[in-house]
């Protein structure tokens, strides 16, 4: 398995023969279809081989583990949309920043310095 930064990179990797298969999201129960995946399927010769139903959970992570230390949330737009009601209720003053993937968001969180104690 080789993680890729975004859906386009997954398609590119398979189209170039660097990977036999790619796994991408197609839809979810909260936000519906993942338009980027459908757009890529239309413009690509690749076909859907199988479908996997997965339960998805989202987590807020930071170096301190304290919710009060969160000042900015980095994530892919899809999970931000899936969690919008919870975020508006529980983190109304926290800035939301779109990035290419949740994996990249986790990398950013792992590099963010802890606030002074």
C-alpha atoms as a PDB file:
ATOM      1  CA  UNK A   1       0.000   0.000   0.000  1.00  0.00           C
ATOM      2  CA  UNK A   2       1.246   3.453  -0.918  1.00  0.00           C
ATOM      3  CA  UNK A   3      -0.536   6.476   0.566  1.00  0.00           C
ATOM      4  CA  UNK A   4      -1.112   9.381  -1.790  1.00  0.00           C
ATOM      5  CA  UNK A   5      -1.734  13.035  -0.992  1.00  0.00           C
ATOM      6  CA  UNK A   6      -5.090  13.348  -2.791  1.00  0.00           C
ATOM      7  CA  UNK A   7      -7.590  11.641  -5.101  1.00  0.00           C
ATOM      8  CA  UNK A   8      -5.880  12.911  -8.271  1.00  0.00           C
ATOM      9  CA  UNK A   9      -2.594  11.365  -7.140  1.00  0.00           C
ATOM     10  CA  UNK A  10      -4.320   7.992  -6.605  1.00  0.00           C
ATOM     11  CA  UNK A  11      -5.695   8.061 -10.148  1.00  0.00           C
ATOM     12  CA  UNK A  12      -2.325   9.129 -11.569  1.00  0.00           C
ATOM     13  CA  UNK A  13      -0.509   6.326  -9.767  1.00  0.00           C
ATOM     14  CA  UNK A  14      -2.850   3.652 -11.181  1.00  0.00           C
ATOM     15  CA  UNK A  15      -2.975   5.152 -14.689  1.00  0.00           C
ATOM     16  CA  UNK A  16       0.841   5.182 -14.872  1.00  0.00           C
ATOM     17  CA  UNK A  17       0.994   1.541 -13.779  1.00  0.00           C
ATOM     18  CA  UNK A  18       2.747   2.359 -10.492  1.00  0.00           C
ATOM     19  CA  UNK A  19      -0.141   0.741  -8.569  1.00  0.00           C
ATOM     20  CA  UNK A  20      -2.447  -2.113  -9.524  1.00  0.00           C
ATOM     21  CA  UNK A  21      -5.480  -0.645  -7.744  1.00  0.00           C
ATOM     22  CA  UNK A  22      -6.466   2.604  -6.060  1.00  0.00           C
ATOM     23  CA  UNK A  23      -8.909   3.213  -3.229  1.00  0.00           C
ATOM     24  CA  UNK A  24     -10.872   6.480  -3.283  1.00  0.00           C
ATOM     25  CA  UNK A  25     -14.080   7.681  -1.601  1.00  0.00           C
ATOM     26  CA  UNK A  26     -17.197   7.885  -3.756  1.00  0.00           C
ATOM     27  CA  UNK A  27     -19.892   8.968  -1.322  1.00  0.00           C
ATOM     28  CA  UNK A  28     -20.814   9.255   2.323  1.00  0.00           C
ATOM     29  CA  UNK A  29     -24.065   9.394   4.226  1.00  0.00           C
ATOM     30  CA  UNK A  30     -23.552  12.911   5.582  1.00  0.00           C
ATOM     31  CA  UNK A  31     -22.370  14.897   2.561  1.00  0.00           C
ATOM     32  CA  UNK A  32     -23.362  12.650  -0.353  1.00  0.00           C
ATOM     33  CA  UNK A  33     -21.159  12.135  -3.390  1.00  0.00           C
ATOM     34  CA  UNK A  34     -17.482  13.005  -3.455  1.00  0.00           C
ATOM     35  CA  UNK A  35     -17.492  15.106  -6.615  1.00  0.00           C
ATOM     36  CA  UNK A  36     -13.723  15.057  -7.109  1.00  0.00           C
ATOM     37  CA  UNK A  37     -13.761  11.252  -7.402  1.00  0.00           C
ATOM     38  CA  UNK A  38     -16.667  11.308  -9.854  1.00  0.00           C
ATOM     39  CA  UNK A  39     -14.940  14.000 -11.927  1.00  0.00           C
ATOM     40  CA  UNK A  40     -11.804  11.859 -12.068  1.00  0.00           C
ATOM     41  CA  UNK A  41     -13.806   8.779 -13.125  1.00  0.00           C
ATOM     42  CA  UNK A  42     -15.350  10.740 -16.008  1.00  0.00           C
ATOM     43  CA  UNK A  43     -11.979  11.960 -17.290  1.00  0.00           C
ATOM     44  CA  UNK A  44     -10.135   8.675 -16.749  1.00  0.00           C
ATOM     45  CA  UNK A  45     -10.148   5.287 -18.468  1.00  0.00           C
ATOM     46  CA  UNK A  46     -10.119   3.623 -15.024  1.00  0.00           C
ATOM     47  CA  UNK A  47     -13.181   1.684 -13.919  1.00  0.00           C
ATOM     48  CA  UNK A  48     -14.671   0.779 -10.547  1.00  0.00           C
ATOM     49  CA  UNK A  49     -13.583  -2.732  -9.633  1.00  0.00           C
ATOM     50  CA  UNK A  50     -15.256  -3.175  -6.247  1.00  0.00           C
ATOM     51  CA  UNK A  51     -17.026  -1.304  -3.488  1.00  0.00           C
ATOM     52  CA  UNK A  52     -16.220  -1.332   0.210  1.00  0.00           C
ATOM     53  CA  UNK A  53     -18.545   0.071   2.850  1.00  0.00           C
ATOM     54  CA  UNK A  54     -16.570   1.597   5.719  1.00  0.00           C
ATOM     55  CA  UNK A  55     -17.613   3.290   8.911  1.00  0.00           C
ATOM     56  CA  UNK A  56     -15.649   6.519   9.205  1.00  0.00           C
ATOM     57  CA  UNK A  57     -14.807   8.301  12.441  1.00  0.00           C
ATOM     58  CA  UNK A  58     -13.211  11.718  12.666  1.00  0.00           C
ATOM     59  CA  UNK A  59     -10.847  12.825  15.412  1.00  0.00           C
ATOM     60  CA  UNK A  60      -9.342  16.124  16.487  1.00  0.00           C
ATOM     61  CA  UNK A  61      -5.677  15.703  17.300  1.00  0.00           C
ATOM     62  CA  UNK A  62      -2.989  18.002  18.593  1.00  0.00           C
ATOM     63  CA  UNK A  63       0.272  17.624  20.456  1.00  0.00           C
ATOM     64  CA  UNK A  64      -1.097  18.494  23.897  1.00  0.00           C
ATOM     65  CA  UNK A  65      -4.282  16.425  23.663  1.00  0.00           C
ATOM     66  CA  UNK A  66      -6.235  19.353  25.132  1.00  0.00           C
ATOM     67  CA  UNK A  67      -9.209  20.715  23.188  1.00  0.00           C
ATOM     68  CA  UNK A  68      -8.602  24.180  24.626  1.00  0.00           C
ATOM     69  CA  UNK A  69      -5.229  24.353  22.874  1.00  0.00           C
ATOM     70  CA  UNK A  70      -6.828  24.044  19.422  1.00  0.00           C
ATOM     71  CA  UNK A  71      -6.761  27.410  17.651  1.00  0.00           C
ATOM     72  CA  UNK A  72      -6.980  26.243  14.038  1.00  0.00           C
ATOM     73  CA  UNK A  73      -8.331  23.042  12.450  1.00  0.00           C
ATOM     74  CA  UNK A  74      -6.679  21.742   9.281  1.00  0.00           C
ATOM     75  CA  UNK A  75      -8.577  19.131   7.264  1.00  0.00           C
ATOM     76  CA  UNK A  76      -9.792  18.150   3.845  1.00  0.00           C
ATOM     77  CA  UNK A  77     -13.030  20.002   2.936  1.00  0.00           C
ATOM     78  CA  UNK A  78     -15.077  16.769   2.933  1.00  0.00           C
ATOM     79  CA  UNK A  79     -14.577  15.904   6.632  1.00  0.00           C
ATOM     80  CA  UNK A  80     -15.008  19.563   7.562  1.00  0.00           C
ATOM     81  CA  UNK A  81     -18.393  19.446   5.828  1.00  0.00           C
ATOM     82  CA  UNK A  82     -19.254  16.114   7.470  1.00  0.00           C
ATOM     83  CA  UNK A  83     -18.505  17.567  10.899  1.00  0.00           C
ATOM     84  CA  UNK A  84     -19.871  21.076  10.331  1.00  0.00           C
ATOM     85  CA  UNK A  85     -22.704  20.839  12.872  1.00  0.00           C
ATOM     86  CA  UNK A  86     -20.411  19.533  15.614  1.00  0.00           C
ATOM     87  CA  UNK A  87     -17.742  22.115  14.767  1.00  0.00           C
ATOM     88  CA  UNK A  88     -20.221  25.030  14.830  1.00  0.00           C
ATOM     89  CA  UNK A  89     -21.566  23.877  18.203  1.00  0.00           C
ATOM     90  CA  UNK A  90     -18.305  22.906  19.916  1.00  0.00           C
ATOM     91  CA  UNK A  91     -15.563  24.952  18.199  1.00  0.00           C
ATOM     92  CA  UNK A  92     -17.306  28.112  16.937  1.00  0.00           C
ATOM     93  CA  UNK A  93     -14.259  30.383  17.311  1.00  0.00           C
ATOM     94  CA  UNK A  94     -11.693  28.012  15.808  1.00  0.00           C
ATOM     95  CA  UNK A  95     -10.487  28.746  12.269  1.00  0.00           C
ATOM     96  CA  UNK A  96     -11.026  26.007   9.679  1.00  0.00           C
ATOM     97  CA  UNK A  97      -8.334  25.562   7.012  1.00  0.00           C
ATOM     98  CA  UNK A  98      -8.783  23.364   3.936  1.00  0.00           C
ATOM     99  CA  UNK A  99      -5.844  21.128   2.994  1.00  0.00           C
ATOM    100  CA  UNK A 100      -5.396  18.327   0.446  1.00  0.00           C
ATOM    101  CA  UNK A 101      -6.020  15.422   2.815  1.00  0.00           C
ATOM    102  CA  UNK A 102      -6.658  14.446   6.412  1.00  0.00           C
ATOM    103  CA  UNK A 103      -3.283  12.681   6.408  1.00  0.00           C
ATOM    104  CA  UNK A 104      -1.587  15.948   5.476  1.00  0.00           C
ATOM    105  CA  UNK A 105      -3.587  17.723   8.193  1.00  0.00           C
ATOM    106  CA  UNK A 106      -2.260  15.210  10.732  1.00  0.00           C
ATOM    107  CA  UNK A 107       1.292  15.886   9.547  1.00  0.00           C
ATOM    108  CA  UNK A 108       0.742  19.607  10.058  1.00  0.00           C
ATOM    109  CA  UNK A 109      -0.650  19.001  13.545  1.00  0.00           C
ATOM    110  CA  UNK A 110       2.386  16.891  14.451  1.00  0.00           C
ATOM    111  CA  UNK A 111       4.704  19.793  13.552  1.00  0.00           C
ATOM    112  CA  UNK A 112       2.825  22.545  15.341  1.00  0.00           C
ATOM    113  CA  UNK A 113       4.639  23.752  18.437  1.00  0.00           C
ATOM    114  CA  UNK A 114       3.005  23.343  21.814  1.00  0.00           C
ATOM    115  CA  UNK A 115       1.843  26.588  23.413  1.00  0.00           C
ATOM    116  CA  UNK A 116       3.903  27.832  26.375  1.00  0.00           C
ATOM    117  CA  UNK A 117       2.703  26.531  29.748  1.00  0.00           C
END
